[in-house]
Amino acid sequence: MFMLPYNSGDHWVLTLVDPEKGTAYFMDPLKRRLPTGDWMSIVDTAMRMYIFEKNKQSRNSVHWKNLAGIPPQPSNKECGYFIMRYMRDIIEDKDMSLFPSKWERRGSSQYTQADIDQVRNEWGKFVVNTYVHES
Protein backbone atom coordinates (compact mmCIF):
# COMPACT_ATOMS: atom_id res chain seq x y z
CA MET A 1 0.00 0.00 0.00
CA PHE A 2 1.07 3.54 -0.69
CA MET A 3 0.17 6.45 1.62
CA LEU A 4 -0.49 9.73 -0.15
CA PRO A 5 -1.04 12.72 2.13
CA TYR A 6 -2.50 15.54 0.06
CA ASN A 7 -3.22 19.19 0.74
CA SER A 8 -5.76 20.81 -1.55
CA GLY A 9 -4.55 24.25 -0.53
CA ASP A 10 -6.34 24.60 2.77
CA HIS A 11 -6.94 21.08 4.09
CA TRP A 12 -5.01 17.81 4.50
CA VAL A 13 -6.49 14.44 3.55
CA LEU A 14 -4.97 10.97 3.23
CA THR A 15 -5.35 8.49 0.40
CA LEU A 16 -4.05 4.94 0.69
CA VAL A 17 -3.63 3.11 -2.58
CA ASP A 18 -3.64 -0.67 -2.86
CA PRO A 19 -2.57 -1.33 -6.47
CA GLU A 20 -2.99 -5.09 -6.07
CA LYS A 21 -6.71 -4.62 -5.41
CA GLY A 22 -7.11 -1.55 -7.63
CA THR A 23 -8.51 0.35 -4.66
CA ALA A 24 -7.93 3.84 -3.26
CA TYR A 25 -9.02 4.46 0.34
CA PHE A 26 -9.88 8.05 1.19
CA MET A 27 -9.54 9.46 4.72
CA ASP A 28 -10.72 12.99 5.51
CA PRO A 29 -10.69 14.11 9.15
CA LEU A 30 -13.56 16.51 8.38
CA LYS A 31 -15.56 13.54 7.07
CA ARG A 32 -16.19 15.02 3.65
CA ARG A 33 -17.20 12.90 0.73
CA LEU A 34 -14.84 11.37 -1.78
CA PRO A 35 -12.69 13.83 -3.68
CA THR A 36 -13.48 14.78 -7.23
CA GLY A 37 -11.52 16.43 -9.99
CA ASP A 38 -7.76 16.74 -10.00
CA TRP A 39 -6.88 14.55 -7.00
CA MET A 40 -8.95 11.59 -8.18
CA SER A 41 -7.59 11.98 -11.69
CA ILE A 42 -3.97 12.06 -10.44
CA VAL A 43 -4.41 8.96 -8.30
CA ASP A 44 -6.31 7.10 -11.04
CA THR A 45 -3.60 7.89 -13.60
CA ALA A 46 -0.78 6.92 -11.23
CA MET A 47 -2.50 3.62 -10.44
CA ARG A 48 -2.95 2.79 -14.15
CA MET A 49 0.72 3.63 -14.80
CA TYR A 50 1.87 1.46 -11.89
CA ILE A 51 -0.23 -1.49 -13.08
CA PHE A 52 1.06 -1.05 -16.64
CA GLU A 53 4.68 -0.99 -15.43
CA LYS A 54 4.11 -4.19 -13.44
CA ASN A 55 2.47 -5.83 -16.48
CA LYS A 56 -0.58 -6.76 -14.46
CA GLN A 57 -4.17 -7.04 -15.49
CA SER A 58 -6.61 -4.93 -13.58
CA ARG A 59 -9.97 -3.31 -13.86
CA ASN A 60 -10.10 -0.18 -15.98
CA SER A 61 -11.00 2.19 -13.19
CA VAL A 62 -9.89 2.57 -9.61
CA HIS A 63 -12.41 1.62 -6.95
CA TRP A 64 -12.58 4.47 -4.40
CA LYS A 65 -13.70 3.80 -0.82
CA ASN A 66 -14.41 6.55 1.69
CA LEU A 67 -13.23 5.40 5.13
CA ALA A 68 -15.68 7.51 7.06
CA GLY A 69 -15.14 5.64 10.34
CA ILE A 70 -11.97 7.56 11.12
CA PRO A 71 -11.70 9.76 14.22
CA PRO A 72 -12.87 13.25 13.19
CA GLN A 73 -10.99 16.43 13.92
CA PRO A 74 -12.89 18.81 16.23
CA SER A 75 -12.02 22.03 14.39
CA ASN A 76 -10.52 23.23 11.11
CA LYS A 77 -7.00 23.67 12.51
CA GLU A 78 -5.64 20.16 13.22
CA CYS A 79 -6.02 18.32 9.90
CA GLY A 80 -2.27 17.86 9.33
CA TYR A 81 -1.76 16.33 12.77
CA PHE A 82 -4.77 14.07 12.29
CA ILE A 83 -3.37 12.82 8.97
CA MET A 84 -0.01 12.13 10.63
CA ARG A 85 -1.80 10.28 13.44
CA TYR A 86 -3.76 8.15 10.95
CA MET A 87 -0.49 7.30 9.17
CA ARG A 88 1.20 6.43 12.47
CA ASP A 89 -1.67 4.16 13.53
CA ILE A 90 -1.76 2.43 10.14
CA ILE A 91 2.01 1.84 10.12
CA GLU A 92 1.89 0.38 13.62
CA ASP A 93 -1.02 -1.94 12.76
CA LYS A 94 0.14 -5.57 12.87
CA ASP A 95 -2.65 -6.90 10.61
CA MET A 96 -3.06 -4.84 7.44
CA SER A 97 -5.37 -7.45 5.89
CA LEU A 98 -8.18 -6.01 8.03
CA PHE A 99 -7.24 -2.38 7.35
CA PRO A 100 -10.39 -1.24 5.47
CA SER A 101 -12.86 -2.83 7.86
CA LYS A 102 -11.06 -1.43 10.93
CA TRP A 103 -11.23 2.13 9.63
CA GLU A 104 -14.78 1.86 8.29
CA ARG A 105 -16.07 0.82 11.71
CA ARG A 106 -14.33 3.26 14.02
CA GLY A 107 -17.26 5.65 13.88
CA SER A 108 -17.39 6.36 17.60
CA SER A 109 -13.66 6.48 18.24
CA GLN A 110 -11.93 9.80 18.76
CA TYR A 111 -8.41 10.98 19.32
CA THR A 112 -7.74 12.72 22.59
CA GLN A 113 -5.73 15.91 22.83
CA ALA A 114 -2.91 13.74 24.22
CA ASP A 115 -2.98 11.60 21.03
CA ILE A 116 -2.60 14.70 18.86
CA ASP A 117 -0.01 16.26 21.17
CA GLN A 118 2.06 13.08 20.88
CA VAL A 119 2.23 13.56 17.10
CA ARG A 120 3.05 17.27 17.54
CA ASN A 121 5.89 16.41 19.92
CA GLU A 122 7.29 13.69 17.66
CA TRP A 123 7.18 16.05 14.67
CA GLY A 124 8.78 18.88 16.68
CA LYS A 125 11.62 16.61 17.86
CA PHE A 126 12.20 15.41 14.30
CA VAL A 127 12.40 18.97 12.95
CA VAL A 128 14.70 20.15 15.75
CA ASN A 129 17.00 17.14 15.37
CA THR A 130 17.12 17.57 11.60
CA TYR A 131 18.05 21.26 11.75
CA VAL A 132 20.48 20.85 14.66
CA HIS A 133 22.35 18.06 12.84
CA GLU A 134 22.43 19.97 9.54
CA SER A 135 23.65 23.24 11.08
C-alpha atoms as a PDB file:
ATOM      1  CA  MET A   1       0.000   0.000   0.000  1.00  0.00           C
ATOM      2  CA  PHE A   2       1.072   3.544  -0.693  1.00  0.00           C
ATOM      3  CA  MET A   3       0.174   6.447   1.616  1.00  0.00           C
ATOM      4  CA  LEU A   4      -0.491   9.726  -0.149  1.00  0.00           C
ATOM      5  CA  PRO A   5      -1.042  12.722   2.127  1.00  0.00           C
ATOM      6  CA  TYR A   6      -2.496  15.541   0.064  1.00  0.00           C
ATOM      7  CA  ASN A   7      -3.217  19.194   0.741  1.00  0.00           C
ATOM      8  CA  SER A   8      -5.756  20.809  -1.550  1.00  0.00           C
ATOM      9  CA  GLY A   9      -4.546  24.253  -0.532  1.00  0.00           C
ATOM     10  CA  ASP A  10      -6.342  24.601   2.766  1.00  0.00           C
ATOM     11  CA  HIS A  11      -6.936  21.084   4.092  1.00  0.00           C
ATOM     12  CA  TRP A  12      -5.012  17.811   4.496  1.00  0.00           C
ATOM     13  CA  VAL A  13      -6.491  14.439   3.545  1.00  0.00           C
ATOM     14  CA  LEU A  14      -4.966  10.972   3.230  1.00  0.00           C
ATOM     15  CA  THR A  15      -5.352   8.486   0.401  1.00  0.00           C
ATOM     16  CA  LEU A  16      -4.050   4.942   0.688  1.00  0.00           C
ATOM     17  CA  VAL A  17      -3.633   3.113  -2.581  1.00  0.00           C
ATOM     18  CA  ASP A  18      -3.641  -0.666  -2.865  1.00  0.00           C
ATOM     19  CA  PRO A  19      -2.574  -1.328  -6.471  1.00  0.00           C
ATOM     20  CA  GLU A  20      -2.987  -5.092  -6.069  1.00  0.00           C
ATOM     21  CA  LYS A  21      -6.709  -4.617  -5.414  1.00  0.00           C
ATOM     22  CA  GLY A  22      -7.106  -1.546  -7.628  1.00  0.00           C
ATOM     23  CA  THR A  23      -8.511   0.353  -4.658  1.00  0.00           C
ATOM     24  CA  ALA A  24      -7.925   3.837  -3.262  1.00  0.00           C
ATOM     25  CA  TYR A  25      -9.017   4.456   0.341  1.00  0.00           C
ATOM     26  CA  PHE A  26      -9.877   8.052   1.187  1.00  0.00           C
ATOM     27  CA  MET A  27      -9.538   9.463   4.718  1.00  0.00           C
ATOM     28  CA  ASP A  28     -10.716  12.987   5.505  1.00  0.00           C
ATOM     29  CA  PRO A  29     -10.687  14.114   9.147  1.00  0.00           C
ATOM     30  CA  LEU A  30     -13.560  16.513   8.383  1.00  0.00           C
ATOM     31  CA  LYS A  31     -15.556  13.535   7.070  1.00  0.00           C
ATOM     32  CA  ARG A  32     -16.187  15.022   3.650  1.00  0.00           C
ATOM     33  CA  ARG A  33     -17.200  12.895   0.727  1.00  0.00           C
ATOM     34  CA  LEU A  34     -14.839  11.370  -1.780  1.00  0.00           C
ATOM     35  CA  PRO A  35     -12.689  13.833  -3.682  1.00  0.00           C
ATOM     36  CA  THR A  36     -13.483  14.777  -7.229  1.00  0.00           C
ATOM     37  CA  GLY A  37     -11.525  16.428  -9.991  1.00  0.00           C
ATOM     38  CA  ASP A  38      -7.765  16.743  -9.999  1.00  0.00           C
ATOM     39  CA  TRP A  39      -6.883  14.551  -6.999  1.00  0.00           C
ATOM     40  CA  MET A  40      -8.953  11.591  -8.176  1.00  0.00           C
ATOM     41  CA  SER A  41      -7.585  11.984 -11.690  1.00  0.00           C
ATOM     42  CA  ILE A  42      -3.972  12.065 -10.444  1.00  0.00           C
ATOM     43  CA  VAL A  43      -4.413   8.961  -8.300  1.00  0.00           C
ATOM     44  CA  ASP A  44      -6.311   7.099 -11.043  1.00  0.00           C
ATOM     45  CA  THR A  45      -3.596   7.893 -13.604  1.00  0.00           C
ATOM     46  CA  ALA A  46      -0.779   6.917 -11.232  1.00  0.00           C
ATOM     47  CA  MET A  47      -2.504   3.616 -10.444  1.00  0.00           C
ATOM     48  CA  ARG A  48      -2.950   2.786 -14.146  1.00  0.00           C
ATOM     49  CA  MET A  49       0.724   3.628 -14.799  1.00  0.00           C
ATOM     50  CA  TYR A  50       1.865   1.455 -11.891  1.00  0.00           C
ATOM     51  CA  ILE A  51      -0.231  -1.490 -13.079  1.00  0.00           C
ATOM     52  CA  PHE A  52       1.059  -1.051 -16.645  1.00  0.00           C
ATOM     53  CA  GLU A  53       4.681  -0.994 -15.427  1.00  0.00           C
ATOM     54  CA  LYS A  54       4.108  -4.185 -13.440  1.00  0.00           C
ATOM     55  CA  ASN A  55       2.472  -5.833 -16.483  1.00  0.00           C
ATOM     56  CA  LYS A  56      -0.575  -6.759 -14.460  1.00  0.00           C
ATOM     57  CA  GLN A  57      -4.166  -7.044 -15.493  1.00  0.00           C
ATOM     58  CA  SER A  58      -6.611  -4.926 -13.579  1.00  0.00           C
ATOM     59  CA  ARG A  59      -9.970  -3.306 -13.859  1.00  0.00           C
ATOM     60  CA  ASN A  60     -10.103  -0.178 -15.983  1.00  0.00           C
ATOM     61  CA  SER A  61     -11.004   2.190 -13.187  1.00  0.00           C
ATOM     62  CA  VAL A  62      -9.886   2.568  -9.611  1.00  0.00           C
ATOM     63  CA  HIS A  63     -12.408   1.622  -6.955  1.00  0.00           C
ATOM     64  CA  TRP A  64     -12.577   4.469  -4.398  1.00  0.00           C
ATOM     65  CA  LYS A  65     -13.701   3.804  -0.824  1.00  0.00           C
ATOM     66  CA  ASN A  66     -14.407   6.545   1.695  1.00  0.00           C
ATOM     67  CA  LEU A  67     -13.225   5.399   5.126  1.00  0.00           C
ATOM     68  CA  ALA A  68     -15.679   7.513   7.059  1.00  0.00           C
ATOM     69  CA  GLY A  69     -15.143   5.636  10.337  1.00  0.00           C
ATOM     70  CA  ILE A  70     -11.971   7.559  11.118  1.00  0.00           C
ATOM     71  CA  PRO A  71     -11.697   9.757  14.221  1.00  0.00           C
ATOM     72  CA  PRO A  72     -12.870  13.251  13.188  1.00  0.00           C
ATOM     73  CA  GLN A  73     -10.986  16.433  13.920  1.00  0.00           C
ATOM     74  CA  PRO A  74     -12.891  18.808  16.234  1.00  0.00           C
ATOM     75  CA  SER A  75     -12.024  22.026  14.387  1.00  0.00           C
ATOM     76  CA  ASN A  76     -10.522  23.228  11.113  1.00  0.00           C
ATOM     77  CA  LYS A  77      -7.004  23.668  12.515  1.00  0.00           C
ATOM     78  CA  GLU A  78      -5.644  20.160  13.223  1.00  0.00           C
ATOM     79  CA  CYS A  79      -6.024  18.315   9.898  1.00  0.00           C
ATOM     80  CA  GLY A  80      -2.266  17.863   9.332  1.00  0.00           C
ATOM     81  CA  TYR A  81      -1.758  16.332  12.765  1.00  0.00           C
ATOM     82  CA  PHE A  82      -4.770  14.074  12.285  1.00  0.00           C
ATOM     83  CA  ILE A  83      -3.374  12.823   8.966  1.00  0.00           C
ATOM     84  CA  MET A  84      -0.007  12.135  10.628  1.00  0.00           C
ATOM     85  CA  ARG A  85      -1.797  10.282  13.444  1.00  0.00           C
ATOM     86  CA  TYR A  86      -3.759   8.148  10.947  1.00  0.00           C
ATOM     87  CA  MET A  87      -0.493   7.302   9.169  1.00  0.00           C
ATOM     88  CA  ARG A  88       1.199   6.433  12.468  1.00  0.00           C
ATOM     89  CA  ASP A  89      -1.669   4.157  13.533  1.00  0.00           C
ATOM     90  CA  ILE A  90      -1.760   2.433  10.140  1.00  0.00           C
ATOM     91  CA  ILE A  91       2.014   1.835  10.118  1.00  0.00           C
ATOM     92  CA  GLU A  92       1.891   0.382  13.624  1.00  0.00           C
ATOM     93  CA  ASP A  93      -1.018  -1.942  12.761  1.00  0.00           C
ATOM     94  CA  LYS A  94       0.136  -5.566  12.868  1.00  0.00           C
ATOM     95  CA  ASP A  95      -2.650  -6.903  10.606  1.00  0.00           C
ATOM     96  CA  MET A  96      -3.065  -4.844   7.435  1.00  0.00           C
ATOM     97  CA  SER A  97      -5.368  -7.449   5.893  1.00  0.00           C
ATOM     98  CA  LEU A  98      -8.182  -6.007   8.027  1.00  0.00           C
ATOM     99  CA  PHE A  99      -7.243  -2.384   7.349  1.00  0.00           C
ATOM    100  CA  PRO A 100     -10.388  -1.239   5.469  1.00  0.00           C
ATOM    101  CA  SER A 101     -12.861  -2.834   7.863  1.00  0.00           C
ATOM    102  CA  LYS A 102     -11.060  -1.435  10.929  1.00  0.00           C
ATOM    103  CA  TRP A 103     -11.233   2.129   9.627  1.00  0.00           C
ATOM    104  CA  GLU A 104     -14.777   1.860   8.289  1.00  0.00           C
ATOM    105  CA  ARG A 105     -16.072   0.820  11.710  1.00  0.00           C
ATOM    106  CA  ARG A 106     -14.327   3.263  14.018  1.00  0.00           C
ATOM    107  CA  GLY A 107     -17.260   5.646  13.881  1.00  0.00           C
ATOM    108  CA  SER A 108     -17.390   6.358  17.602  1.00  0.00           C
ATOM    109  CA  SER A 109     -13.660   6.475  18.241  1.00  0.00           C
ATOM    110  CA  GLN A 110     -11.928   9.796  18.757  1.00  0.00           C
ATOM    111  CA  TYR A 111      -8.412  10.976  19.318  1.00  0.00           C
ATOM    112  CA  THR A 112      -7.738  12.723  22.591  1.00  0.00           C
ATOM    113  CA  GLN A 113      -5.729  15.911  22.829  1.00  0.00           C
ATOM    114  CA  ALA A 114      -2.910  13.744  24.224  1.00  0.00           C
ATOM    115  CA  ASP A 115      -2.982  11.603  21.028  1.00  0.00           C
ATOM    116  CA  ILE A 116      -2.604  14.699  18.856  1.00  0.00           C
ATOM    117  CA  ASP A 117      -0.006  16.262  21.171  1.00  0.00           C
ATOM    118  CA  GLN A 118       2.060  13.076  20.884  1.00  0.00           C
ATOM    119  CA  VAL A 119       2.227  13.562  17.098  1.00  0.00           C
ATOM    120  CA  ARG A 120       3.045  17.274  17.537  1.00  0.00           C
ATOM    121  CA  ASN A 121       5.888  16.411  19.921  1.00  0.00           C
ATOM    122  CA  GLU A 122       7.289  13.693  17.656  1.00  0.00           C
ATOM    123  CA  TRP A 123       7.178  16.053  14.673  1.00  0.00           C
ATOM    124  CA  GLY A 124       8.782  18.876  16.680  1.00  0.00           C
ATOM    125  CA  LYS A 125      11.620  16.607  17.860  1.00  0.00           C
ATOM    126  CA  PHE A 126      12.198  15.408  14.300  1.00  0.00           C
ATOM    127  CA  VAL A 127      12.401  18.971  12.955  1.00  0.00           C
ATOM    128  CA  VAL A 128      14.705  20.151  15.745  1.00  0.00           C
ATOM    129  CA  ASN A 129      17.004  17.138  15.370  1.00  0.00           C
ATOM    130  CA  THR A 130      17.120  17.572  11.603  1.00  0.00           C
ATOM    131  CA  TYR A 131      18.049  21.256  11.754  1.00  0.00           C
ATOM    132  CA  VAL A 132      20.483  20.849  14.660  1.00  0.00           C
ATOM    133  CA  HIS A 133      22.352  18.056  12.841  1.00  0.00           C
ATOM    134  CA  GLU A 134      22.427  19.967   9.545  1.00  0.00           C
ATOM    135  CA  SER A 135      23.647  23.239  11.077  1.00  0.00           C
END
